[in-house]
Amino acid sequence: MRIVGWLASAIGVAGVMACNALAPLLWVLRANLRDRARDLMAIPDAGLGAALALTDTVTDWLGNASGGINEIKTKADVLAAAPTIDPAGTIALAKINHVAA
């Protein structure tokens, strides 16, 4: 048991010496490490900003698409209600084909 105690004591002393050796090195490098940490934190922030902008763009596009779909549905309902094709129905059908193309 004495050998285990001496070994544990030696490992503890070596650990304290290693930490004391690293402390001044980290003190000298702290400004560089702080700047790199800020740079790393800026990357997710920029990504979130870009994601918010893209989300707004997609929301606008969905709104425009919804308006176009409602217009096509309205014209299709009008055409379905009139079994004969009159000049107004022909114009509406031409507009639907133009939108789809």
C-alpha atoms as a PDB file:
ATOM      1  CA  MET A   1       0.000   0.000   0.000  1.00  0.00           C
ATOM      2  CA  ARG A   2       2.878   2.337   0.596  1.00  0.00           C
ATOM      3  CA  ILE A   3       3.907   2.113  -3.028  1.00  0.00           C
ATOM      4  CA  VAL A   4       0.399   3.093  -4.173  1.00  0.00           C
ATOM      5  CA  GLY A   5       0.440   6.064  -1.792  1.00  0.00           C
ATOM      6  CA  TRP A   6       3.827   7.262  -3.020  1.00  0.00           C
ATOM      7  CA  LEU A   7       2.738   6.785  -6.630  1.00  0.00           C
ATOM      8  CA  ALA A   8      -0.450   8.760  -6.076  1.00  0.00           C
ATOM      9  CA  SER A   9       1.513  11.506  -4.353  1.00  0.00           C
ATOM     10  CA  ALA A  10       4.015  11.654  -7.237  1.00  0.00           C
ATOM     11  CA  ILE A  11       1.219  11.851  -9.796  1.00  0.00           C
ATOM     12  CA  GLY A  12      -0.437  14.630  -7.795  1.00  0.00           C
ATOM     13  CA  VAL A  13       2.793  16.634  -7.587  1.00  0.00           C
ATOM     14  CA  ALA A  14       3.382  16.137 -11.332  1.00  0.00           C
ATOM     15  CA  GLY A  15      -0.150  17.354 -12.038  1.00  0.00           C
ATOM     16  CA  VAL A  16       0.326  20.479  -9.935  1.00  0.00           C
ATOM     17  CA  MET A  17       3.640  21.205 -11.693  1.00  0.00           C
ATOM     18  CA  ALA A  18       2.017  20.720 -15.107  1.00  0.00           C
ATOM     19  CA  CYS A  19      -0.816  23.105 -14.223  1.00  0.00           C
ATOM     20  CA  ASN A  20       1.668  25.662 -12.904  1.00  0.00           C
ATOM     21  CA  ALA A  21       3.603  25.379 -16.161  1.00  0.00           C
ATOM     22  CA  LEU A  22       0.477  25.845 -18.287  1.00  0.00           C
ATOM     23  CA  ALA A  23      -0.925  28.783 -16.332  1.00  0.00           C
ATOM     24  CA  PRO A  24       1.651  31.374 -17.557  1.00  0.00           C
ATOM     25  CA  LEU A  25       1.331  30.065 -21.112  1.00  0.00           C
ATOM     26  CA  LEU A  26      -2.440  30.508 -21.014  1.00  0.00           C
ATOM     27  CA  TRP A  27      -1.989  33.955 -19.473  1.00  0.00           C
ATOM     28  CA  VAL A  28       0.196  35.015 -22.412  1.00  0.00           C
ATOM     29  CA  LEU A  29      -2.145  33.484 -25.000  1.00  0.00           C
ATOM     30  CA  ARG A  30      -5.430  34.597 -23.400  1.00  0.00           C
ATOM     31  CA  ALA A  31      -6.001  37.547 -25.766  1.00  0.00           C
ATOM     32  CA  ASN A  32      -5.517  35.335 -28.815  1.00  0.00           C
ATOM     33  CA  LEU A  33      -7.760  32.633 -27.351  1.00  0.00           C
ATOM     34  CA  ARG A  34     -10.426  35.203 -26.472  1.00  0.00           C
ATOM     35  CA  ASP A  35     -10.418  36.596 -30.037  1.00  0.00           C
ATOM     36  CA  ARG A  36     -10.688  33.121 -31.523  1.00  0.00           C
ATOM     37  CA  ALA A  37     -13.553  32.269 -29.180  1.00  0.00           C
ATOM     38  CA  ARG A  38     -15.378  35.453 -30.257  1.00  0.00           C
ATOM     39  CA  ASP A  39     -14.809  34.543 -33.911  1.00  0.00           C
ATOM     40  CA  LEU A  40     -16.231  31.083 -33.290  1.00  0.00           C
ATOM     41  CA  MET A  41     -19.276  32.564 -31.575  1.00  0.00           C
ATOM     42  CA  ALA A  42     -19.833  35.010 -34.455  1.00  0.00           C
ATOM     43  CA  ILE A  43     -20.263  32.168 -36.963  1.00  0.00           C
ATOM     44  CA  PRO A  44     -23.544  30.849 -35.475  1.00  0.00           C
ATOM     45  CA  ASP A  45     -24.841  34.407 -35.074  1.00  0.00           C
ATOM     46  CA  ALA A  46     -24.212  35.105 -38.764  1.00  0.00           C
ATOM     47  CA  GLY A  47     -25.873  31.817 -39.662  1.00  0.00           C
ATOM     48  CA  LEU A  48     -28.945  32.697 -37.625  1.00  0.00           C
ATOM     49  CA  GLY A  49     -29.160  36.101 -39.324  1.00  0.00           C
ATOM     50  CA  ALA A  50     -28.982  34.480 -42.763  1.00  0.00           C
ATOM     51  CA  ALA A  51     -31.596  31.900 -41.740  1.00  0.00           C
ATOM     52  CA  LEU A  52     -33.976  34.628 -40.580  1.00  0.00           C
ATOM     53  CA  ALA A  53     -33.561  36.497 -43.880  1.00  0.00           C
ATOM     54  CA  LEU A  54     -34.226  33.303 -45.852  1.00  0.00           C
ATOM     55  CA  THR A  55     -37.263  32.532 -43.714  1.00  0.00           C
ATOM     56  CA  ASP A  56     -38.694  35.967 -44.474  1.00  0.00           C
ATOM     57  CA  THR A  57     -38.059  35.436 -48.197  1.00  0.00           C
ATOM     58  CA  VAL A  58     -39.773  32.038 -48.151  1.00  0.00           C
ATOM     59  CA  THR A  59     -42.725  33.500 -46.263  1.00  0.00           C
ATOM     60  CA  ASP A  60     -43.115  36.176 -48.940  1.00  0.00           C
ATOM     61  CA  TRP A  61     -42.888  33.584 -51.710  1.00  0.00           C
ATOM     62  CA  LEU A  62     -45.501  31.401 -50.015  1.00  0.00           C
ATOM     63  CA  GLY A  63     -47.801  34.394 -49.734  1.00  0.00           C
ATOM     64  CA  ASN A  64     -47.386  35.139 -53.441  1.00  0.00           C
ATOM     65  CA  ALA A  65     -47.915  31.486 -54.363  1.00  0.00           C
ATOM     66  CA  SER A  66     -51.026  31.299 -52.194  1.00  0.00           C
ATOM     67  CA  GLY A  67     -52.490  34.338 -53.959  1.00  0.00           C
ATOM     68  CA  GLY A  68     -51.763  32.788 -57.365  1.00  0.00           C
ATOM     69  CA  ILE A  69     -53.278  29.462 -56.348  1.00  0.00           C
ATOM     70  CA  ASN A  70     -56.425  31.173 -55.065  1.00  0.00           C
ATOM     71  CA  GLU A  71     -56.743  33.100 -58.335  1.00  0.00           C
ATOM     72  CA  ILE A  72     -56.404  29.908 -60.388  1.00  0.00           C
ATOM     73  CA  LYS A  73     -58.948  28.157 -58.157  1.00  0.00           C
ATOM     74  CA  THR A  74     -61.412  31.020 -58.561  1.00  0.00           C
ATOM     75  CA  LYS A  75     -61.062  30.924 -62.351  1.00  0.00           C
ATOM     76  CA  ALA A  76     -61.382  27.130 -62.387  1.00  0.00           C
ATOM     77  CA  ASP A  77     -64.528  27.338 -60.256  1.00  0.00           C
ATOM     78  CA  VAL A  78     -66.001  29.860 -62.678  1.00  0.00           C
ATOM     79  CA  LEU A  79     -65.180  27.594 -65.620  1.00  0.00           C
ATOM     80  CA  ALA A  80     -66.587  24.538 -63.810  1.00  0.00           C
ATOM     81  CA  ALA A  81     -69.836  26.378 -63.064  1.00  0.00           C
ATOM     82  CA  ALA A  82     -70.345  27.246 -66.752  1.00  0.00           C
ATOM     83  CA  PRO A  83     -70.497  24.031 -68.810  1.00  0.00           C
ATOM     84  CA  THR A  84     -70.330  25.954 -72.088  1.00  0.00           C
ATOM     85  CA  ILE A  85     -67.270  27.925 -73.022  1.00  0.00           C
ATOM     86  CA  ASP A  86     -68.180  31.536 -73.596  1.00  0.00           C
ATOM     87  CA  PRO A  87     -65.751  34.303 -74.620  1.00  0.00           C
ATOM     88  CA  ALA A  88     -65.092  35.247 -70.974  1.00  0.00           C
ATOM     89  CA  GLY A  89     -64.361  31.598 -70.160  1.00  0.00           C
ATOM     90  CA  THR A  90     -62.024  31.339 -73.122  1.00  0.00           C
ATOM     91  CA  ILE A  91     -60.099  34.408 -71.933  1.00  0.00           C
ATOM     92  CA  ALA A  92     -59.927  33.026 -68.377  1.00  0.00           C
ATOM     93  CA  LEU A  93     -58.723  29.664 -69.699  1.00  0.00           C
ATOM     94  CA  ALA A  94     -56.067  31.399 -71.792  1.00  0.00           C
ATOM     95  CA  LYS A  95     -54.899  33.327 -68.744  1.00  0.00           C
ATOM     96  CA  ILE A  96     -54.668  30.139 -66.679  1.00  0.00           C
ATOM     97  CA  ASN A  97     -52.610  28.468 -69.389  1.00  0.00           C
ATOM     98  CA  HIS A  98     -50.392  31.537 -69.581  1.00  0.00           C
ATOM     99  CA  VAL A  99     -49.818  31.494 -65.802  1.00  0.00           C
ATOM    100  CA  ALA A 100     -49.064  27.773 -65.804  1.00  0.00           C
ATOM    101  CA  ALA A 101     -46.578  28.014 -68.682  1.00  0.00           C
END
